[in-house]
Structure formats: C-alpha cells, structure tokens
Amino acid sequence: PVSPENPKKKTETMSSSEEVVSRGREAYAAGRYEEAVEAFSKALEDTALEVDELPKIHSNRCAAYMQLKRFELAEEDAESCTSLKPGWAKGWSRLGAAKMARHKYLEAASCFEKAAELAPGDGYEGQAAKARQASERTSAYFAQRAASRPPGPTYQFGGKLAEQFHVFCRVFALYNLCKYLATFDPTAVTAAYRSVVKFVLVGSLIHIYRAHGFPQFNRAYAQRVVTDPMAQRLFGAFVVLMSTSFACLLPLIYVELAALAADLAAKLPSPYKLKLVAALEGVLLDGDASVSSRVLPNAAFLECGAGLALLVELLTPKRNILALVLYWQYLQMRYMLESAGQGRGNLIAAFAKLDAAIAPYAAKSSLTNLAYSKLKLFARHQVSIPEPGQKPGLKCSIM
C-alpha cells in the first residue's frame, strides 16, 4: 500500500522554499542581483513548490536579470510567467520590458497592450504607447540610413551559379585563415596565407563579373571597375600576395567575413536571422541584415594600419621592401581616386582619423612635431592632384 504523505515534511519543504525566496527578495532590495538570481533559481529547483508560486518567482528572477542587463534570460523568465499565468498583467508587463530592452519594440507594445487589457488604469497603456513610438522612431532611423547609405553592389550577371562560387570563395578564404592561425610550421603558415589571398582574389574577380559583366576594353567599363570599392580590393589583394604580414590580411578578411554574414542572414529563417543580426549589428551587419555601412570605413582604417605595420617590419628580419612600396602605392592610388570624387572617401577619413591619433604624441616635443609635419607635407604632395594644364611634379608611381 502507498504510505500517506507526510504533512510535516511538506511543510518543512515549503517553509525552506519560502525562506530562499525571501532571501532572494532581500538581496534584490539591497542591490545584490547575482545573489538574488541564485536564490530564485534555487527556489525554482524545488519540485515540491506550489505551481501558483512559480510565476511570481520567475517574475522576480526576471527583474534581477533585467538589473544585470541579461535581457535574453529576463525574456525567457517573462515568457515562463505568461505561459504559467496568462491572466496576470504583471507577467505581460515583465515580458514587455524585456522585449523593449532587446529592441523588439512592436512585440513589447503587444505585451503592454495585453497587460493594459488585463489591468486597465495601471499605466500599461502609456508603456504600450512608448513602445509604439520607439518602433516608429527605429523604422524611420533605418529608412533614413538606407536612403543615405551609398548603394551596395548590384549583382546582375552570373545568376545563382556565380553567387554560389562567390560564397564558396569566401568560405574557403575563412577556412584557410583558420589554418593560418592554427599552424606553427613556417611552410604551412605561408601556404595558408597565400591560399587566403588567392581565394579573396578569385572572389574579387567574381564580384567584378557579377557587378559589371565580362571585361570590356573601353573607358566606361574601366571607370566603373576602378571606382568600385569592392573591385579595388583586387589590386590590394595582388599586392598582399607578395607579403606575409597578418596586418595586410585583416582588411581583406574583415570585408569577406561581413559579406559572408550577409549571405548567411539572407538564407536563414526569420527567428535565426534576427538573432544573427542582433549579434553582429554595427560590426558586420546593419539592422536590415545587409553588410554594415561601417565595414568599408573600418576596412580602410585597417588598411592604414597594415601600411604602418609594413613600415615597422623594416626593423625586423621579415621586412619586405617591395611589398611595402607596392602597398603604399596602392593606398596612394585609392586616396587620389577618392580625392577626385571617384569613391566614398573612406580612406581619406581613415588617414584623418590616424592623423588625429598620432598628432598629440608627435606634438610632445618640437623635434618630433617638426618631423611629423615634414612627413605630412611629403604625404600631401604624393597624393595631390595637379590642376588642369599643370605639369605633375616628381612622384613615386610604380602602379
């Protein structure tokens, strides 16, 4: 026969759970949010806990997670709240707050509206209105950014097959980068480095074909290719092939990684796509899952850094004078194109940013300040564009 339940034991378990919850509330009130989360989590592990208590404890832990900025975990607890007690306005309010923190403004508005339905007059209507306004502001912001952002590449040639080859090149470039970073054998490192650059080169050629069609020997086609920021990387990749500097790889692989993330986002179902965009927004992707508008400016800054790294390498046995000269010639060509209005000005902005970072240190002594001023004057002369009818001055021009 089944022995009767021991009421004393049940009472002890309940009082123990209540004590843990009470400790959690005290910790929350004192601002010890980690301790509060631990206490509420311990209470939720108690299998003897009454079902009616579960929504309250999830709600409390949700509040603690919100204070710790762990919004995803807060949202999970709030979801549990509304599942266990769908008629509780506070649970929907918690869920709305968590979704607001994760920039899911429309979903947040729906949650607050549900709370207002269950508890009219408790102020949830105002929170719903704020969420709606935040959603409208965000939509307007992204619409404005989309309108002001320079157009990305429009692929009109090659179809699906060319797209698949393009993705294949990006994947294998990143695969070889992993080999490069994980290998210590000098021969294998060099081979992996060259493989990365070769796949970037082939990817750049595929980009040119997809964006501009088969090569045409006329001025209009040449101008389109030379002024295309993505196509310009083809020239940079040829130069990088002569080096073995990791700094030279960074700008190439950064752009490939962003493009691959955009390719992946385009293929993913909506929930996973939103998670990927949330994780990579501002670094690799924009809110609409396209390549971030910051990628090319950031890549230009990395290219400036690579040029400086090659200069520093002159002091080491790894120095490569030919790669150094050719890389700076490549940067010179890019800078002059942008100065002539044939580009987005990313490299000019990157050099200005670099100058702003170096100038305060150079100004610490009159000697370094004078040397830096002379260097800037020389650099300005190298990228100056002659006026119409003016004879160009003497410049280093390998490319």
Protein backbone atom coordinates (compact mmCIF):
# COMPACT_ATOMS: atom_id res chain seq x y z
CA PRO A 1 0.00 0.00 0.00
CA VAL A 2 1.07 3.60 -0.71
CA SER A 3 2.06 5.31 2.53
CA PRO A 4 0.27 8.59 3.23
CA GLU A 5 2.14 11.83 2.51
CA ASN A 6 3.95 13.25 5.47
CA PRO A 7 2.41 16.72 6.03
CA LYS A 8 5.26 17.75 8.36
CA LYS A 9 7.88 17.08 5.66
CA LYS A 10 5.84 19.05 3.09
CA THR A 11 5.52 21.99 5.50
CA GLU A 12 9.30 21.95 6.12
CA THR A 13 9.98 21.94 2.34
CA MET A 14 7.55 24.80 1.75
CA SER A 15 9.00 26.89 4.58
CA SER A 16 12.50 26.20 3.23
CA SER A 17 11.47 27.40 -0.28
CA GLU A 18 9.77 30.47 1.17
CA GLU A 19 12.93 31.24 3.13
CA VAL A 20 15.05 31.02 -0.06
CA VAL A 21 12.61 33.27 -1.94
CA SER A 22 12.63 35.72 0.96
CA ARG A 23 16.45 35.80 0.87
CA GLY A 24 16.26 36.47 -2.87
CA ARG A 25 13.89 39.41 -2.35
CA GLU A 26 16.12 40.86 0.37
CA ALA A 27 19.18 40.53 -1.89
CA TYR A 28 17.30 42.23 -4.74
CA ALA A 29 16.22 45.11 -2.49
CA ALA A 30 19.85 45.53 -1.35
CA GLY A 31 21.09 45.61 -4.97
CA ARG A 32 22.81 42.19 -4.78
CA TYR A 33 21.29 40.98 -8.03
CA GLU A 34 23.59 37.98 -8.63
CA GLU A 35 22.71 36.68 -5.18
CA ALA A 36 19.02 37.25 -5.89
CA VAL A 37 19.23 35.25 -9.15
CA GLU A 38 20.93 32.37 -7.30
CA ALA A 39 18.24 32.35 -4.61
CA PHE A 40 15.32 32.42 -7.08
CA SER A 41 16.98 29.72 -9.22
CA LYS A 42 17.40 27.51 -6.14
CA ALA A 43 13.73 28.01 -5.26
CA LEU A 44 12.65 27.01 -8.79
CA GLU A 45 14.60 23.74 -8.46
CA ASP A 46 12.36 22.67 -5.58
CA THR A 47 9.95 20.08 -7.04
CA ALA A 48 7.61 20.41 -4.05
CA LEU A 49 6.94 24.08 -4.77
CA GLU A 50 3.32 25.02 -5.37
CA VAL A 51 2.53 25.73 -9.06
CA ASP A 52 0.90 29.05 -8.10
CA GLU A 53 4.24 30.29 -6.74
CA LEU A 54 6.19 29.63 -9.96
CA PRO A 55 5.04 32.72 -11.93
CA LYS A 56 5.98 35.03 -9.04
CA ILE A 57 9.48 33.55 -8.71
CA HIS A 58 10.04 33.71 -12.49
CA SER A 59 8.88 37.33 -12.34
CA ASN A 60 11.33 38.11 -9.52
CA ARG A 61 14.23 36.43 -11.31
CA CYS A 62 13.27 38.29 -14.50
CA ALA A 63 13.57 41.60 -12.61
CA ALA A 64 17.01 40.59 -11.28
CA TYR A 65 18.18 39.62 -14.78
CA MET A 66 16.98 42.98 -16.08
CA GLN A 67 19.13 44.77 -13.50
CA LEU A 68 22.12 42.64 -14.59
CA LYS A 69 21.46 43.56 -18.26
CA ARG A 70 20.93 39.88 -19.12
CA PHE A 71 17.92 40.69 -21.24
CA GLU A 72 17.67 37.38 -23.11
CA LEU A 73 17.42 35.42 -19.82
CA ALA A 74 14.95 38.02 -18.50
CA GLU A 75 12.80 37.49 -21.59
CA GLU A 76 12.86 33.71 -21.06
CA ASP A 77 11.67 34.11 -17.45
CA ALA A 78 8.94 36.54 -18.55
CA GLU A 79 7.81 34.04 -21.21
CA SER A 80 7.55 31.40 -18.45
CA CYS A 81 5.49 33.87 -16.42
CA THR A 82 2.93 34.45 -19.16
CA SER A 83 2.76 30.71 -20.00
CA LEU A 84 2.13 29.69 -16.39
CA LYS A 85 -0.28 32.54 -15.61
CA PRO A 86 -1.60 34.14 -18.82
CA GLY A 87 -4.16 36.23 -16.92
CA TRP A 88 -1.53 38.07 -14.82
CA ALA A 89 -0.90 41.60 -16.06
CA LYS A 90 2.46 41.90 -14.29
CA GLY A 91 3.83 38.91 -16.24
CA TRP A 92 2.95 40.59 -19.54
CA SER A 93 4.48 43.82 -18.26
CA ARG A 94 7.72 41.97 -17.43
CA LEU A 95 7.76 40.46 -20.92
CA GLY A 96 7.15 43.87 -22.49
CA ALA A 97 10.06 45.40 -20.55
CA ALA A 98 12.41 42.57 -21.55
CA LYS A 99 11.43 42.90 -25.21
CA MET A 100 11.91 46.68 -25.05
CA ALA A 101 15.43 46.12 -23.71
CA ARG A 102 16.11 43.81 -26.68
CA HIS A 103 14.78 46.43 -29.15
CA LYS A 104 11.75 44.29 -30.08
CA TYR A 105 9.50 47.31 -29.85
CA LEU A 106 6.43 46.03 -31.71
CA GLU A 107 6.37 42.82 -29.66
CA ALA A 108 6.85 44.90 -26.50
CA ALA A 109 3.89 47.10 -27.44
CA SER A 110 1.69 44.00 -27.87
CA CYS A 111 2.73 42.74 -24.43
CA PHE A 112 1.97 46.06 -22.73
CA GLU A 113 -1.39 46.23 -24.54
CA LYS A 114 -2.21 42.76 -23.21
CA ALA A 115 -1.27 43.92 -19.68
CA ALA A 116 -3.47 47.01 -20.12
CA GLU A 117 -6.33 44.76 -21.19
CA LEU A 118 -5.97 42.68 -18.01
CA ALA A 119 -5.40 45.63 -15.67
CA PRO A 120 -6.90 48.85 -17.10
CA GLY A 121 -5.74 52.02 -15.43
CA ASP A 122 -2.44 50.61 -14.09
CA GLY A 123 -0.34 52.65 -16.51
CA TYR A 124 0.36 49.93 -19.05
CA GLU A 125 -1.35 51.96 -21.79
CA GLY A 126 1.41 54.60 -21.54
CA GLN A 127 4.13 51.93 -21.75
CA ALA A 128 2.45 50.48 -24.85
CA ALA A 129 2.39 53.94 -26.46
CA LYS A 130 6.11 54.44 -25.67
CA ALA A 131 6.93 51.08 -27.28
CA ARG A 132 4.94 52.02 -30.40
CA GLN A 133 6.77 55.35 -30.61
CA ALA A 134 10.15 53.60 -30.22
CA SER A 135 9.19 51.23 -33.04
CA GLU A 136 8.26 54.17 -35.31
CA ARG A 137 11.50 56.02 -34.47
CA THR A 138 13.56 52.92 -35.21
CA SER A 139 11.80 52.34 -38.53
CA ALA A 140 12.34 55.98 -39.50
CA TYR A 141 16.02 55.79 -38.47
CA PHE A 142 16.70 52.70 -40.58
CA ALA A 143 14.76 54.18 -43.51
CA GLN A 144 16.90 57.32 -43.29
CA ARG A 145 20.11 55.28 -43.08
CA ALA A 146 19.06 53.16 -46.04
CA ALA A 147 18.35 56.31 -48.05
CA SER A 148 21.66 58.00 -47.13
CA ARG A 149 23.84 54.88 -47.37
CA PRO A 150 25.80 54.53 -50.61
CA PRO A 151 24.28 51.74 -52.69
CA GLY A 152 25.84 48.31 -52.26
CA PRO A 153 26.85 46.15 -55.19
CA THR A 154 24.02 45.31 -57.57
CA TYR A 155 24.63 41.85 -58.93
CA GLN A 156 23.02 41.47 -62.34
CA PHE A 157 25.27 38.90 -64.05
CA GLY A 158 26.05 35.25 -63.47
CA GLY A 159 22.88 34.21 -61.62
CA LYS A 160 22.83 31.53 -58.88
CA LEU A 161 25.92 29.69 -60.06
CA ALA A 162 28.15 32.78 -59.78
CA GLU A 163 26.61 33.52 -56.36
CA GLN A 164 27.42 30.00 -55.16
CA PHE A 165 31.02 30.26 -56.38
CA HIS A 166 31.32 33.62 -54.63
CA VAL A 167 30.13 32.15 -51.31
CA PHE A 168 32.45 29.15 -51.85
CA CYS A 169 35.45 31.51 -52.19
CA ARG A 170 34.50 33.37 -49.00
CA VAL A 171 34.07 30.17 -47.01
CA PHE A 172 37.42 28.77 -48.16
CA ALA A 173 39.19 32.07 -47.52
CA LEU A 174 37.98 31.89 -43.89
CA TYR A 175 38.83 28.17 -43.68
CA ASN A 176 42.41 28.89 -44.76
CA LEU A 177 42.57 31.80 -42.32
CA CYS A 178 41.78 29.32 -39.52
CA LYS A 179 44.56 27.06 -40.81
CA TYR A 180 46.92 30.06 -40.90
CA LEU A 181 46.11 30.95 -37.28
CA ALA A 182 46.29 27.36 -36.02
CA THR A 183 49.55 26.35 -37.75
CA PHE A 184 53.05 26.95 -36.41
CA ASP A 185 55.06 25.33 -39.18
CA PRO A 186 56.53 28.24 -41.25
CA THR A 187 55.95 26.49 -44.61
CA ALA A 188 52.33 25.64 -43.76
CA VAL A 189 51.74 29.19 -42.46
CA THR A 190 52.97 30.72 -45.73
CA ALA A 191 50.89 28.26 -47.79
CA ALA A 192 47.73 29.02 -45.76
CA TYR A 193 48.37 32.78 -46.03
CA ARG A 194 48.70 32.59 -49.80
CA SER A 195 45.56 30.41 -50.03
CA VAL A 196 43.55 33.05 -48.12
CA VAL A 197 44.69 35.79 -50.50
CA LYS A 198 44.11 33.64 -53.60
CA PHE A 199 40.51 32.92 -52.61
CA VAL A 200 39.99 36.65 -51.93
CA LEU A 201 41.45 37.38 -55.37
CA VAL A 202 39.13 34.91 -57.08
CA GLY A 203 36.19 36.27 -55.05
CA SER A 204 37.06 39.82 -56.19
CA LEU A 205 37.12 38.67 -59.81
CA ILE A 206 33.72 37.00 -59.36
CA HIS A 207 32.42 40.24 -57.79
CA ILE A 208 33.59 42.22 -60.83
CA TYR A 209 31.86 39.77 -63.15
CA ARG A 210 28.63 39.71 -61.12
CA ALA A 211 28.51 43.51 -60.75
CA HIS A 212 29.90 44.67 -64.11
CA GLY A 213 29.77 41.71 -66.50
CA PHE A 214 32.55 40.27 -68.66
CA PRO A 215 35.61 42.52 -69.14
CA GLN A 216 35.18 45.14 -71.82
CA PHE A 217 38.07 47.08 -73.27
CA ASN A 218 36.55 50.52 -73.06
CA ARG A 219 36.87 53.54 -70.78
CA ALA A 220 33.38 53.35 -69.27
CA TYR A 221 33.88 49.76 -68.07
CA ALA A 222 37.34 50.54 -66.68
CA GLN A 223 36.00 53.56 -64.80
CA ARG A 224 33.17 51.52 -63.25
CA VAL A 225 35.61 48.84 -62.04
CA VAL A 226 38.32 51.19 -60.76
CA THR A 227 35.81 53.29 -58.77
CA ASP A 228 34.05 50.23 -57.27
CA PRO A 229 35.36 49.93 -53.65
CA MET A 230 34.91 46.15 -53.68
CA ALA A 231 36.74 45.80 -57.01
CA GLN A 232 39.62 47.98 -55.79
CA ARG A 233 40.40 45.24 -53.29
CA LEU A 234 41.51 43.10 -56.24
CA PHE A 235 44.56 45.37 -56.66
CA GLY A 236 45.17 45.32 -52.92
CA ALA A 237 44.99 41.52 -52.83
CA PHE A 238 47.61 41.24 -55.61
CA VAL A 239 49.97 43.37 -53.50
CA VAL A 240 49.21 41.45 -50.29
CA LEU A 241 50.12 38.23 -52.11
CA MET A 242 53.73 39.45 -52.06
CA SER A 243 53.73 39.88 -48.28
CA THR A 244 53.26 37.51 -45.34
CA SER A 245 52.08 40.14 -42.85
CA PHE A 246 48.94 39.27 -40.89
CA ALA A 247 48.12 43.00 -40.71
CA CYS A 248 47.66 43.00 -44.50
CA LEU A 249 45.20 40.11 -44.26
CA LEU A 250 42.93 41.81 -41.73
CA PRO A 251 41.19 44.35 -44.03
CA LEU A 252 40.67 41.70 -46.72
CA ILE A 253 39.25 39.06 -44.42
CA TYR A 254 37.12 41.56 -42.46
CA VAL A 255 35.19 42.51 -45.61
CA GLU A 256 34.85 38.84 -46.64
CA LEU A 257 33.50 37.94 -43.19
CA ALA A 258 30.89 40.72 -43.36
CA ALA A 259 29.82 39.65 -46.87
CA LEU A 260 29.57 36.01 -45.74
CA ALA A 261 27.47 37.03 -42.70
CA ALA A 262 25.09 38.91 -45.04
CA ASP A 263 24.91 35.84 -47.33
CA LEU A 264 24.11 33.63 -44.34
CA ALA A 265 21.48 36.05 -42.97
CA ALA A 266 19.72 36.04 -46.36
CA LYS A 267 19.36 32.25 -46.20
CA LEU A 268 18.30 31.83 -42.56
CA PRO A 269 14.69 31.56 -41.33
CA SER A 270 13.41 34.76 -39.70
CA PRO A 271 14.00 33.88 -35.96
CA TYR A 272 17.62 32.82 -36.56
CA LYS A 273 18.18 35.74 -38.91
CA LEU A 274 17.09 38.20 -36.20
CA LYS A 275 19.45 36.58 -33.68
CA LEU A 276 22.37 36.76 -36.12
CA VAL A 277 21.65 40.42 -36.91
CA ALA A 278 21.36 41.25 -33.19
CA ALA A 279 24.75 39.59 -32.52
CA LEU A 280 26.59 41.23 -35.45
CA GLU A 281 24.79 44.56 -35.83
CA GLY A 282 27.14 47.52 -36.19
CA VAL A 283 30.23 45.32 -36.61
CA LEU A 284 29.42 43.22 -39.67
CA LEU A 285 25.72 43.78 -40.40
CA ASP A 286 23.15 46.57 -40.37
CA GLY A 287 19.65 46.17 -38.94
CA ASP A 288 18.29 45.12 -42.34
CA ALA A 289 20.81 42.20 -42.50
CA SER A 290 22.90 43.87 -45.22
CA VAL A 291 26.65 44.45 -44.89
CA SER A 292 27.13 47.19 -42.29
CA SER A 293 27.79 50.69 -43.58
CA ARG A 294 30.75 50.73 -41.15
CA VAL A 295 32.54 47.80 -42.79
CA LEU A 296 34.29 49.68 -45.63
CA PRO A 297 35.32 52.64 -43.38
CA ASN A 298 36.66 50.16 -40.79
CA ALA A 299 38.45 48.18 -43.51
CA ALA A 300 40.05 51.42 -44.79
CA PHE A 301 41.35 52.13 -41.28
CA LEU A 302 42.75 48.58 -41.09
CA GLU A 303 44.48 49.18 -44.45
CA CYS A 304 46.18 52.28 -43.00
CA GLY A 305 47.26 50.14 -40.05
CA ALA A 306 48.63 47.49 -42.42
CA GLY A 307 50.69 50.15 -44.19
CA LEU A 308 52.18 51.24 -40.84
CA ALA A 309 52.81 47.59 -39.88
CA LEU A 310 54.84 47.11 -43.08
CA LEU A 311 56.89 50.18 -42.14
CA VAL A 312 57.57 48.75 -38.68
CA GLU A 313 58.57 45.42 -40.26
CA LEU A 314 61.52 47.25 -41.87
CA LEU A 315 63.15 46.96 -38.44
CA THR A 316 62.74 43.15 -38.40
CA PRO A 317 64.21 40.27 -40.42
CA LYS A 318 60.73 39.82 -42.01
CA ARG A 319 60.99 43.13 -43.87
CA ASN A 320 59.73 43.16 -47.44
CA ILE A 321 60.64 46.41 -49.17
CA LEU A 322 58.86 45.55 -52.44
CA ALA A 323 55.59 44.74 -50.64
CA LEU A 324 55.94 47.95 -48.59
CA VAL A 325 56.42 50.17 -51.67
CA LEU A 326 53.65 48.49 -53.66
CA TYR A 327 51.18 48.59 -50.75
CA TRP A 328 51.72 52.32 -50.20
CA GLN A 329 51.38 52.87 -53.94
CA TYR A 330 48.05 51.03 -53.79
CA LEU A 331 46.93 53.30 -50.91
CA GLN A 332 48.14 56.33 -52.87
CA MET A 333 46.07 55.29 -55.91
CA ARG A 334 42.98 54.81 -53.72
CA TYR A 335 43.47 58.14 -51.94
CA MET A 336 43.87 60.05 -55.21
CA LEU A 337 40.76 58.43 -56.69
CA GLU A 338 38.76 59.46 -53.62
CA SER A 339 40.22 62.99 -53.75
CA ALA A 340 38.99 63.22 -57.35
CA GLY A 341 35.49 62.26 -56.22
CA GLN A 342 35.76 58.68 -57.52
CA GLY A 343 34.95 56.89 -54.28
CA ARG A 344 33.26 57.18 -50.91
CA GLY A 345 36.09 58.93 -49.06
CA ASN A 346 36.67 56.04 -46.64
CA LEU A 347 40.46 56.04 -46.99
CA ILE A 348 40.68 59.83 -46.67
CA ALA A 349 38.60 59.63 -43.47
CA ALA A 350 40.79 56.76 -42.19
CA PHE A 351 44.00 58.76 -42.67
CA ALA A 352 42.38 61.77 -40.96
CA LYS A 353 41.48 59.53 -38.02
CA LEU A 354 45.02 58.14 -37.92
CA ASP A 355 46.44 61.67 -38.02
CA ALA A 356 44.20 62.72 -35.12
CA ALA A 357 45.52 59.74 -33.11
CA ILE A 358 49.23 60.37 -33.86
CA ALA A 359 49.35 64.21 -33.75
CA PRO A 360 49.05 64.60 -29.91
CA TYR A 361 52.03 62.25 -29.38
CA ALA A 362 54.10 63.95 -32.10
CA ALA A 363 53.43 67.36 -30.51
CA LYS A 364 55.09 66.34 -27.22
CA SER A 365 58.47 67.58 -28.44
CA SER A 366 59.46 70.19 -31.01
CA LEU A 367 61.71 67.70 -32.84
CA THR A 368 59.04 65.00 -33.33
CA ASN A 369 56.48 67.68 -34.17
CA LEU A 370 58.77 69.09 -36.90
CA ALA A 371 59.50 65.60 -38.29
CA TYR A 372 55.81 64.70 -38.32
CA SER A 373 54.89 67.98 -40.05
CA LYS A 374 57.51 67.30 -42.76
CA LEU A 375 56.17 63.76 -43.19
CA LYS A 376 52.60 65.04 -43.58
CA LEU A 377 53.76 67.64 -46.12
CA PHE A 378 55.52 64.94 -48.15
CA ALA A 379 52.45 62.65 -47.98
CA ARG A 380 50.16 65.51 -49.04
CA HIS A 381 52.41 66.19 -52.03
CA GLN A 382 52.32 62.49 -53.02
CA VAL A 383 48.52 62.44 -53.24
CA SER A 384 47.94 65.93 -54.62
CA ILE A 385 46.13 66.08 -57.97
CA PRO A 386 47.59 68.59 -60.49
CA GLU A 387 45.32 71.38 -61.68
CA PRO A 388 44.16 71.16 -65.34
CA GLY A 389 47.11 72.13 -67.56
CA GLN A 390 49.61 71.89 -64.70
CA LYS A 391 52.58 69.57 -65.18
CA PRO A 392 52.69 66.83 -62.50
CA GLY A 393 55.61 67.00 -60.06
CA LEU A 394 58.02 64.15 -59.39
CA LYS A 395 56.22 61.32 -57.60
CA CYS A 396 56.92 57.69 -56.84
CA SER A 397 54.48 55.90 -59.14
CA ILE A 398 55.07 52.19 -59.61
CA MET A 399 51.37 51.45 -60.16
